[in-house]
Amino acid sequence: MDVRAGLQEYWKGLTPTQKEARLENQWKGARDAKKKAYAADAPARAARNEARAAEEQARAEARAEAERRAAAERRAEAERRAAAERRAEAERLAAAQAERRRANAASIARFQDAIQRPASSAGPYQGRSTMVDLAVMPQQHASRELDLRTEIFNFASTRGSNGRGPPHCGMCGAFNKGPLAPANVEGVVIKKQMKQVCQCCKGATWKHVATGSYFRFCMVCKKFHDIHKFAQGDDEKVRSDFDPFTTAKCADAREKSRAAYQNKKQRLEK
């Protein structure tokens, strides 16, 4: 009889109670062996868990350190870019101011030369206003609007005839050569609706000799206003290169232009 057949015969000879006890002893022995092996492996298992936790902690700390270094590098790079932009902006503004000063110096020299030999129609120089170069906004405000012809103009106020513009500029007295004259022809250009103010004088800053106040010509109002009316208004958003000594519009004219633009934009969006 082979072993398998002998085991089968032995198993058949057992009662159900014996079979159950035999199986119980077999599985119990296996469970006990597993429990003992698991208990014996507890220190090694704890060591493995500690090593795994330490490894994960090290990886987390390495990731956090890498993120901190990357964030620090990004901040440093952003600060370098911001500093470079500030330097570039400062250099650009300084260059613009230097160019403005050179242009103002040339305009003042032209004005001084023009008043020495005004056009024949201009009459004598009355010295009411003089062209100046301001670097900062003066504290003095004009107490009232000055009359163009009787308080501001340095030369006689005249009107054009036969469809022609005025014969000379009321501020510098230079001859009005007209817009179509060649550049080498002596004189200035006085455009229509410019109230007898030439292209050279309209962008300048002026000082009123009698009152000591300063004023500029607004290209929208077509009037001379106190210099403070060209400054940045309350809650007004302007460009970084805004300059009250070169802007062509006073604050009120700028506000009206923005309102007109917004109204037009709303009409187009409907």
C-alpha atoms as a PDB file:
ATOM      1  CA  MET A   1       0.000   0.000   0.000  1.00  0.00           C
ATOM      2  CA  ASP A   2       1.404   3.397  -0.909  1.00  0.00           C
ATOM      3  CA  VAL A   3       1.495   6.301   1.521  1.00  0.00           C
ATOM      4  CA  ARG A   4      -1.409   8.205  -0.035  1.00  0.00           C
ATOM      5  CA  ALA A   5      -3.682   5.204   0.078  1.00  0.00           C
ATOM      6  CA  GLY A   6      -2.640   4.523   3.681  1.00  0.00           C
ATOM      7  CA  LEU A   7      -3.499   8.098   4.703  1.00  0.00           C
ATOM      8  CA  GLN A   8      -6.855   7.863   3.003  1.00  0.00           C
ATOM      9  CA  GLU A   9      -7.632   4.628   4.851  1.00  0.00           C
ATOM     10  CA  TYR A  10      -6.489   6.195   8.108  1.00  0.00           C
ATOM     11  CA  TRP A  11      -8.666   9.266   7.501  1.00  0.00           C
ATOM     12  CA  LYS A  12     -11.686   7.062   6.732  1.00  0.00           C
ATOM     13  CA  GLY A  13     -11.211   5.206  10.009  1.00  0.00           C
ATOM     14  CA  LEU A  14     -11.482   8.426  12.061  1.00  0.00           C
ATOM     15  CA  THR A  15     -14.732   9.553  13.552  1.00  0.00           C
ATOM     16  CA  PRO A  16     -16.081  13.040  12.732  1.00  0.00           C
ATOM     17  CA  THR A  17     -15.023  14.219  16.202  1.00  0.00           C
ATOM     18  CA  GLN A  18     -11.529  12.888  15.688  1.00  0.00           C
ATOM     19  CA  LYS A  19     -11.330  14.476  12.263  1.00  0.00           C
ATOM     20  CA  GLU A  20     -12.387  17.869  13.677  1.00  0.00           C
ATOM     21  CA  ALA A  21      -9.876  17.631  16.508  1.00  0.00           C
ATOM     22  CA  ARG A  22      -7.144  16.638  14.077  1.00  0.00           C
ATOM     23  CA  LEU A  23      -7.870  19.593  11.791  1.00  0.00           C
ATOM     24  CA  GLU A  24      -8.103  21.935  14.758  1.00  0.00           C
ATOM     25  CA  ASN A  25      -4.714  20.840  16.013  1.00  0.00           C
ATOM     26  CA  GLN A  26      -3.241  21.170  12.524  1.00  0.00           C
ATOM     27  CA  TRP A  27      -4.517  24.752  11.951  1.00  0.00           C
ATOM     28  CA  LYS A  28      -3.788  25.788  15.529  1.00  0.00           C
ATOM     29  CA  GLY A  29      -0.217  24.687  15.161  1.00  0.00           C
ATOM     30  CA  ALA A  30       0.102  26.638  11.962  1.00  0.00           C
ATOM     31  CA  ARG A  31      -1.440  29.770  13.571  1.00  0.00           C
ATOM     32  CA  ASP A  32       0.777  29.513  16.578  1.00  0.00           C
ATOM     33  CA  ALA A  33       3.819  29.160  14.387  1.00  0.00           C
ATOM     34  CA  LYS A  34       2.810  32.267  12.436  1.00  0.00           C
ATOM     35  CA  LYS A  35       2.184  34.218  15.643  1.00  0.00           C
ATOM     36  CA  LYS A  36       5.565  33.250  17.013  1.00  0.00           C
ATOM     37  CA  ALA A  37       7.277  34.174  13.754  1.00  0.00           C
ATOM     38  CA  TYR A  38       5.413  37.524  13.669  1.00  0.00           C
ATOM     39  CA  ALA A  39       6.332  38.207  17.303  1.00  0.00           C
ATOM     40  CA  ALA A  40       9.936  37.285  16.666  1.00  0.00           C
ATOM     41  CA  ASP A  41      10.021  39.673  13.669  1.00  0.00           C
ATOM     42  CA  ALA A  42       8.587  42.622  15.672  1.00  0.00           C
ATOM     43  CA  PRO A  43      11.944  44.311  16.431  1.00  0.00           C
ATOM     44  CA  ALA A  44      13.075  43.964  12.830  1.00  0.00           C
ATOM     45  CA  ARG A  45       9.715  45.192  11.618  1.00  0.00           C
ATOM     46  CA  ALA A  46       9.859  48.196  13.938  1.00  0.00           C
ATOM     47  CA  ALA A  47      13.369  48.939  12.727  1.00  0.00           C
ATOM     48  CA  ARG A  48      12.222  48.738   9.115  1.00  0.00           C
ATOM     49  CA  ASN A  49       9.301  51.058   9.851  1.00  0.00           C
ATOM     50  CA  GLU A  50      11.593  53.534  11.603  1.00  0.00           C
ATOM     51  CA  ALA A  51      14.023  53.427   8.703  1.00  0.00           C
ATOM     52  CA  ARG A  52      11.186  53.940   6.214  1.00  0.00           C
ATOM     53  CA  ALA A  53       9.801  56.854   8.264  1.00  0.00           C
ATOM     54  CA  ALA A  54      13.251  58.399   8.545  1.00  0.00           C
ATOM     55  CA  GLU A  55      13.754  58.026   4.809  1.00  0.00           C
ATOM     56  CA  GLU A  56      10.397  59.653   4.060  1.00  0.00           C
ATOM     57  CA  GLN A  57      11.161  62.443   6.530  1.00  0.00           C
ATOM     58  CA  ALA A  58      14.524  63.022   4.869  1.00  0.00           C
ATOM     59  CA  ARG A  59      12.894  63.147   1.430  1.00  0.00           C
ATOM     60  CA  ALA A  60      10.226  65.572   2.708  1.00  0.00           C
ATOM     61  CA  GLU A  61      12.873  67.801   4.272  1.00  0.00           C
ATOM     62  CA  ALA A  62      14.926  67.682   1.075  1.00  0.00           C
ATOM     63  CA  ARG A  63      11.840  68.653  -0.983  1.00  0.00           C
ATOM     64  CA  ALA A  64      10.999  71.472   1.439  1.00  0.00           C
ATOM     65  CA  GLU A  65      14.580  72.734   1.349  1.00  0.00           C
ATOM     66  CA  ALA A  66      14.610  72.589  -2.454  1.00  0.00           C
ATOM     67  CA  GLU A  67      11.314  74.498  -2.565  1.00  0.00           C
ATOM     68  CA  ARG A  68      12.676  77.096  -0.125  1.00  0.00           C
ATOM     69  CA  ARG A  69      15.804  77.540  -2.217  1.00  0.00           C
ATOM     70  CA  ALA A  70      13.742  77.789  -5.407  1.00  0.00           C
ATOM     71  CA  ALA A  71      11.414  80.344  -3.780  1.00  0.00           C
ATOM     72  CA  ALA A  72      14.404  82.336  -2.529  1.00  0.00           C
ATOM     73  CA  GLU A  73      15.944  82.271  -6.008  1.00  0.00           C
ATOM     74  CA  ARG A  74      12.632  83.391  -7.548  1.00  0.00           C
ATOM     75  CA  ARG A  75      12.365  86.233  -5.048  1.00  0.00           C
ATOM     76  CA  ALA A  76      15.956  87.248  -5.663  1.00  0.00           C
ATOM     77  CA  GLU A  77      15.407  87.138  -9.424  1.00  0.00           C
ATOM     78  CA  ALA A  78      12.192  89.151  -9.097  1.00  0.00           C
ATOM     79  CA  GLU A  79      14.003  91.714  -6.936  1.00  0.00           C
ATOM     80  CA  ARG A  80      16.842  91.897  -9.463  1.00  0.00           C
ATOM     81  CA  ARG A  81      14.368  92.414 -12.309  1.00  0.00           C
ATOM     82  CA  ALA A  82      12.461  95.034 -10.316  1.00  0.00           C
ATOM     83  CA  ALA A  83      15.698  96.820  -9.444  1.00  0.00           C
ATOM     84  CA  ALA A  84      16.788  96.706 -13.086  1.00  0.00           C
ATOM     85  CA  GLU A  85      13.398  98.058 -14.175  1.00  0.00           C
ATOM     86  CA  ARG A  86      13.614 100.823 -11.568  1.00  0.00           C
ATOM     87  CA  ARG A  87      17.106 101.739 -12.742  1.00  0.00           C
ATOM     88  CA  ALA A  88      15.985 101.703 -16.377  1.00  0.00           C
ATOM     89  CA  GLU A  89      12.925 103.808 -15.522  1.00  0.00           C
ATOM     90  CA  ALA A  90      15.057 106.256 -13.534  1.00  0.00           C
ATOM     91  CA  GLU A  91      17.544 106.501 -16.393  1.00  0.00           C
ATOM     92  CA  ARG A  92      14.719 106.984 -18.886  1.00  0.00           C
ATOM     93  CA  LEU A  93      13.125 109.700 -16.763  1.00  0.00           C
ATOM     94  CA  ALA A  94      16.507 111.361 -16.241  1.00  0.00           C
ATOM     95  CA  ALA A  95      17.128 111.261 -19.990  1.00  0.00           C
ATOM     96  CA  ALA A  96      13.657 112.659 -20.653  1.00  0.00           C
ATOM     97  CA  GLN A  97      14.214 115.450 -18.130  1.00  0.00           C
ATOM     98  CA  ALA A  98      17.610 116.231 -19.627  1.00  0.00           C
ATOM     99  CA  GLU A  99      16.059 116.326 -23.095  1.00  0.00           C
ATOM    100  CA  ARG A 100      13.275 118.566 -21.788  1.00  0.00           C
ATOM    101  CA  ARG A 101      15.821 120.919 -20.241  1.00  0.00           C
ATOM    102  CA  ARG A 102      17.775 121.053 -23.508  1.00  0.00           C
ATOM    103  CA  ALA A 103      14.579 121.710 -25.451  1.00  0.00           C
ATOM    104  CA  ASN A 104      13.521 124.376 -22.956  1.00  0.00           C
ATOM    105  CA  ALA A 105      16.927 126.013 -23.157  1.00  0.00           C
ATOM    106  CA  ALA A 106      16.665 126.093 -26.950  1.00  0.00           C
ATOM    107  CA  SER A 107      13.113 127.492 -26.770  1.00  0.00           C
ATOM    108  CA  ILE A 108      14.129 130.172 -24.288  1.00  0.00           C
ATOM    109  CA  ALA A 109      17.081 131.134 -26.479  1.00  0.00           C
ATOM    110  CA  ARG A 110      14.749 131.339 -29.504  1.00  0.00           C
ATOM    111  CA  PHE A 111      12.281 133.442 -27.492  1.00  0.00           C
ATOM    112  CA  GLN A 112      14.988 135.829 -26.326  1.00  0.00           C
ATOM    113  CA  ASP A 113      16.208 136.193 -29.897  1.00  0.00           C
ATOM    114  CA  ALA A 114      12.678 136.661 -31.285  1.00  0.00           C
ATOM    115  CA  ILE A 115      11.683 139.469 -28.919  1.00  0.00           C
ATOM    116  CA  GLN A 116      14.780 141.399 -29.961  1.00  0.00           C
ATOM    117  CA  ARG A 117      13.599 141.570 -33.597  1.00  0.00           C
ATOM    118  CA  PRO A 118       9.822 141.065 -33.751  1.00  0.00           C
ATOM    119  CA  ALA A 119       7.714 141.272 -36.869  1.00  0.00           C
ATOM    120  CA  SER A 120       6.798 144.748 -38.063  1.00  0.00           C
ATOM    121  CA  SER A 121       3.147 144.126 -37.207  1.00  0.00           C
ATOM    122  CA  ALA A 122       3.928 143.102 -33.604  1.00  0.00           C
ATOM    123  CA  GLY A 123       4.653 146.534 -32.189  1.00  0.00           C
ATOM    124  CA  PRO A 124       6.904 147.083 -29.167  1.00  0.00           C
ATOM    125  CA  TYR A 125       7.735 144.341 -26.689  1.00  0.00           C
ATOM    126  CA  GLN A 126       5.611 144.901 -23.570  1.00  0.00           C
ATOM    127  CA  GLY A 127       7.367 142.406 -21.289  1.00  0.00           C
ATOM    128  CA  ARG A 128       4.256 140.979 -19.661  1.00  0.00           C
ATOM    129  CA  SER A 129       5.330 137.324 -19.793  1.00  0.00           C
ATOM    130  CA  THR A 130       8.672 135.588 -20.001  1.00  0.00           C
ATOM    131  CA  MET A 131       9.516 132.018 -20.921  1.00  0.00           C
ATOM    132  CA  VAL A 132      11.091 129.984 -18.082  1.00  0.00           C
ATOM    133  CA  ASP A 133      12.281 126.468 -17.312  1.00  0.00           C
ATOM    134  CA  LEU A 134      10.784 124.957 -14.130  1.00  0.00           C
ATOM    135  CA  ALA A 135      12.064 121.788 -12.474  1.00  0.00           C
ATOM    136  CA  VAL A 136       9.556 121.641  -9.582  1.00  0.00           C
ATOM    137  CA  MET A 137       6.022 122.892  -9.159  1.00  0.00           C
ATOM    138  CA  PRO A 138       6.018 126.369  -7.561  1.00  0.00           C
ATOM    139  CA  GLN A 139       4.022 127.012  -4.410  1.00  0.00           C
ATOM    140  CA  GLN A 140       2.471 130.242  -5.600  1.00  0.00           C
ATOM    141  CA  HIS A 141      -0.967 129.942  -7.213  1.00  0.00           C
ATOM    142  CA  ALA A 142      -2.505 132.503  -9.531  1.00  0.00           C
ATOM    143  CA  SER A 143      -5.342 134.345  -7.821  1.00  0.00           C
ATOM    144  CA  ARG A 144      -7.371 134.561 -11.054  1.00  0.00           C
ATOM    145  CA  GLU A 145      -7.331 133.817 -14.757  1.00  0.00           C
ATOM    146  CA  LEU A 146      -5.303 136.415 -16.658  1.00  0.00           C
ATOM    147  CA  ASP A 147      -6.683 138.102 -19.728  1.00  0.00           C
ATOM    148  CA  LEU A 148      -4.910 136.868 -22.830  1.00  0.00           C
ATOM    149  CA  ARG A 149      -4.699 140.098 -24.809  1.00  0.00           C
ATOM    150  CA  THR A 150      -4.257 142.688 -22.061  1.00  0.00           C
ATOM    151  CA  GLU A 151      -2.249 140.804 -19.402  1.00  0.00           C
ATOM    152  CA  ILE A 152      -0.433 137.880 -21.082  1.00  0.00           C
ATOM    153  CA  PHE A 153       0.494 138.831 -24.642  1.00  0.00           C
ATOM    154  CA  ASN A 154       3.874 140.508 -25.046  1.00  0.00           C
ATOM    155  CA  PHE A 155       2.970 141.924 -28.440  1.00  0.00           C
ATOM    156  CA  ALA A 156      -0.033 143.430 -30.133  1.00  0.00           C
ATOM    157  CA  SER A 157      -3.119 141.259 -30.483  1.00  0.00           C
ATOM    158  CA  THR A 158      -4.228 141.213 -34.106  1.00  0.00           C
ATOM    159  CA  ARG A 159      -6.479 139.137 -36.296  1.00  0.00           C
ATOM    160  CA  GLY A 160      -5.710 137.690 -39.685  1.00  0.00           C
ATOM    161  CA  SER A 161      -7.212 139.060 -42.843  1.00  0.00           C
ATOM    162  CA  ASN A 162      -8.292 137.529 -46.152  1.00  0.00           C
ATOM    163  CA  GLY A 163      -8.404 134.050 -44.643  1.00  0.00           C
ATOM    164  CA  ARG A 164      -4.845 134.273 -43.401  1.00  0.00           C
ATOM    165  CA  GLY A 165      -3.803 133.708 -39.808  1.00  0.00           C
ATOM    166  CA  PRO A 166      -2.503 136.414 -37.512  1.00  0.00           C
ATOM    167  CA  PRO A 167       0.642 138.107 -38.833  1.00  0.00           C
ATOM    168  CA  HIS A 168       2.742 137.390 -35.741  1.00  0.00           C
ATOM    169  CA  CYS A 169       2.837 135.470 -32.459  1.00  0.00           C
ATOM    170  CA  GLY A 170       1.449 137.372 -29.491  1.00  0.00           C
ATOM    171  CA  MET A 171       4.027 135.872 -27.132  1.00  0.00           C
ATOM    172  CA  CYS A 172       7.356 136.096 -28.997  1.00  0.00           C
ATOM    173  CA  GLY A 173       6.398 138.516 -31.786  1.00  0.00           C
ATOM    174  CA  ALA A 174       7.859 136.276 -34.509  1.00  0.00           C
ATOM    175  CA  PHE A 175       6.474 136.554 -38.045  1.00  0.00           C
ATOM    176  CA  ASN A 176       3.816 133.998 -39.015  1.00  0.00           C
ATOM    177  CA  LYS A 177       5.287 132.338 -42.097  1.00  0.00           C
ATOM    178  CA  GLY A 178       2.361 129.945 -42.542  1.00  0.00           C
ATOM    179  CA  PRO A 179       2.226 126.136 -42.478  1.00  0.00           C
ATOM    180  CA  LEU A 180       3.297 125.700 -46.120  1.00  0.00           C
ATOM    181  CA  ALA A 181       6.458 127.784 -45.967  1.00  0.00           C
ATOM    182  CA  PRO A 182       9.804 125.953 -46.300  1.00  0.00           C
ATOM    183  CA  ALA A 183      11.732 125.238 -43.143  1.00  0.00           C
ATOM    184  CA  ASN A 184      14.525 127.634 -44.079  1.00  0.00           C
ATOM    185  CA  VAL A 185      12.122 130.600 -44.197  1.00  0.00           C
ATOM    186  CA  GLU A 186      12.416 132.755 -41.098  1.00  0.00           C
ATOM    187  CA  GLY A 187       9.355 132.863 -38.888  1.00  0.00           C
ATOM    188  CA  VAL A 188       7.002 130.594 -36.961  1.00  0.00           C
ATOM    189  CA  VAL A 189       3.835 128.627 -37.653  1.00  0.00           C
ATOM    190  CA  ILE A 190       0.581 129.711 -36.010  1.00  0.00           C
ATOM    191  CA  LYS A 191      -2.182 127.176 -36.576  1.00  0.00           C
ATOM    192  CA  LYS A 192      -5.852 127.999 -36.711  1.00  0.00           C
ATOM    193  CA  GLN A 193      -7.754 128.249 -33.418  1.00  0.00           C
ATOM    194  CA  MET A 194      -4.478 128.713 -31.528  1.00  0.00           C
ATOM    195  CA  LYS A 195      -5.335 132.233 -30.317  1.00  0.00           C
ATOM    196  CA  GLN A 196      -2.247 133.810 -31.954  1.00  0.00           C
ATOM    197  CA  VAL A 197       0.188 131.489 -30.110  1.00  0.00           C
ATOM    198  CA  CYS A 198       2.848 129.903 -32.291  1.00  0.00           C
ATOM    199  CA  GLN A 199       3.967 126.273 -32.259  1.00  0.00           C
ATOM    200  CA  CYS A 200       7.138 127.206 -30.378  1.00  0.00           C
ATOM    201  CA  CYS A 201       5.404 129.102 -27.587  1.00  0.00           C
ATOM    202  CA  LYS A 202       2.372 126.883 -26.992  1.00  0.00           C
ATOM    203  CA  GLY A 203       4.286 124.143 -25.130  1.00  0.00           C
ATOM    204  CA  ALA A 204       6.441 126.439 -23.002  1.00  0.00           C
ATOM    205  CA  THR A 205       6.128 127.395 -19.338  1.00  0.00           C
ATOM    206  CA  TRP A 206       5.633 131.099 -18.724  1.00  0.00           C
ATOM    207  CA  LYS A 207       6.023 133.458 -15.804  1.00  0.00           C
ATOM    208  CA  HIS A 208       3.757 136.466 -15.466  1.00  0.00           C
ATOM    209  CA  VAL A 209       6.052 139.345 -14.640  1.00  0.00           C
ATOM    210  CA  ALA A 210       3.498 141.475 -12.773  1.00  0.00           C
ATOM    211  CA  THR A 211       2.123 138.765 -10.443  1.00  0.00           C
ATOM    212  CA  GLY A 212       4.977 136.219 -10.391  1.00  0.00           C
ATOM    213  CA  SER A 213       2.568 133.383 -11.227  1.00  0.00           C
ATOM    214  CA  TYR A 214       3.332 130.638 -13.750  1.00  0.00           C
ATOM    215  CA  PHE A 215       1.086 129.430 -16.559  1.00  0.00           C
ATOM    216  CA  ARG A 216       0.962 127.210 -19.643  1.00  0.00           C
ATOM    217  CA  PHE A 217      -1.193 126.934 -22.753  1.00  0.00           C
ATOM    218  CA  CYS A 218      -3.811 124.139 -22.844  1.00  0.00           C
ATOM    219  CA  MET A 219      -4.195 122.649 -26.310  1.00  0.00           C
ATOM    220  CA  VAL A 220      -7.824 121.684 -25.627  1.00  0.00           C
ATOM    221  CA  CYS A 221      -9.138 124.758 -23.850  1.00  0.00           C
ATOM    222  CA  LYS A 222      -7.048 127.018 -26.124  1.00  0.00           C
ATOM    223  CA  LYS A 223      -6.325 129.132 -23.061  1.00  0.00           C
ATOM    224  CA  PHE A 224      -3.452 129.912 -20.731  1.00  0.00           C
ATOM    225  CA  HIS A 225      -4.016 128.367 -17.283  1.00  0.00           C
ATOM    226  CA  ASP A 226      -2.149 128.526 -14.001  1.00  0.00           C
ATOM    227  CA  ILE A 227       0.623 125.902 -13.961  1.00  0.00           C
ATOM    228  CA  HIS A 228      -1.025 124.017 -11.075  1.00  0.00           C
ATOM    229  CA  LYS A 229      -4.014 123.167 -13.280  1.00  0.00           C
ATOM    230  CA  PHE A 230      -1.708 120.911 -15.313  1.00  0.00           C
ATOM    231  CA  ALA A 231      -0.648 118.857 -12.275  1.00  0.00           C
ATOM    232  CA  GLN A 232      -2.016 115.394 -11.566  1.00  0.00           C
ATOM    233  CA  GLY A 233      -5.581 115.644 -10.328  1.00  0.00           C
ATOM    234  CA  ASP A 234      -7.070 113.972  -7.259  1.00  0.00           C
ATOM    235  CA  ASP A 235      -7.442 110.200  -7.864  1.00  0.00           C
ATOM    236  CA  GLU A 236      -6.213 110.733 -11.434  1.00  0.00           C
ATOM    237  CA  LYS A 237      -4.268 107.833 -12.922  1.00  0.00           C
ATOM    238  CA  VAL A 238      -1.429 108.977 -15.133  1.00  0.00           C
ATOM    239  CA  ARG A 239       1.516 107.306 -16.832  1.00  0.00           C
ATOM    240  CA  SER A 240       4.823 106.932 -15.041  1.00  0.00           C
ATOM    241  CA  ASP A 241       6.423 109.511 -17.341  1.00  0.00           C
ATOM    242  CA  PHE A 242       3.701 112.132 -16.748  1.00  0.00           C
ATOM    243  CA  ASP A 243       5.157 115.624 -16.603  1.00  0.00           C
ATOM    244  CA  PRO A 244       2.963 118.653 -15.801  1.00  0.00           C
ATOM    245  CA  PHE A 245       5.502 120.870 -17.582  1.00  0.00           C
ATOM    246  CA  THR A 246       5.114 119.083 -20.929  1.00  0.00           C
ATOM    247  CA  THR A 247       1.573 117.689 -20.980  1.00  0.00           C
ATOM    248  CA  ALA A 248      -0.595 119.351 -23.614  1.00  0.00           C
ATOM    249  CA  LYS A 249      -3.830 119.239 -21.581  1.00  0.00           C
ATOM    250  CA  CYS A 250      -4.811 120.683 -18.241  1.00  0.00           C
ATOM    251  CA  ALA A 251      -6.397 118.393 -15.629  1.00  0.00           C
ATOM    252  CA  ASP A 252      -9.954 119.478 -16.513  1.00  0.00           C
ATOM    253  CA  ALA A 253      -9.344 118.820 -20.219  1.00  0.00           C
ATOM    254  CA  ARG A 254      -7.883 115.395 -19.432  1.00  0.00           C
ATOM    255  CA  GLU A 255     -10.928 114.527 -17.326  1.00  0.00           C
ATOM    256  CA  LYS A 256     -13.286 115.616 -20.124  1.00  0.00           C
ATOM    257  CA  SER A 257     -11.308 113.551 -22.642  1.00  0.00           C
ATOM    258  CA  ARG A 258     -11.547 110.459 -20.420  1.00  0.00           C
ATOM    259  CA  ALA A 259     -15.289 110.958 -19.937  1.00  0.00           C
ATOM    260  CA  ALA A 260     -15.800 111.328 -23.693  1.00  0.00           C
ATOM    261  CA  TYR A 261     -13.759 108.180 -24.320  1.00  0.00           C
ATOM    262  CA  GLN A 262     -15.782 106.175 -21.785  1.00  0.00           C
ATOM    263  CA  ASN A 263     -19.074 107.372 -23.288  1.00  0.00           C
ATOM    264  CA  LYS A 264     -17.925 106.413 -26.757  1.00  0.00           C
ATOM    265  CA  LYS A 265     -16.736 103.024 -25.512  1.00  0.00           C
ATOM    266  CA  GLN A 266     -20.091 102.327 -23.865  1.00  0.00           C
ATOM    267  CA  ARG A 267     -21.975 103.266 -27.034  1.00  0.00           C
ATOM    268  CA  LEU A 268     -19.826 100.924 -29.131  1.00  0.00           C
ATOM    269  CA  GLU A 269     -20.326  98.043 -26.669  1.00  0.00           C
ATOM    270  CA  LYS A 270     -24.125  98.243 -26.893  1.00  0.00           C
END
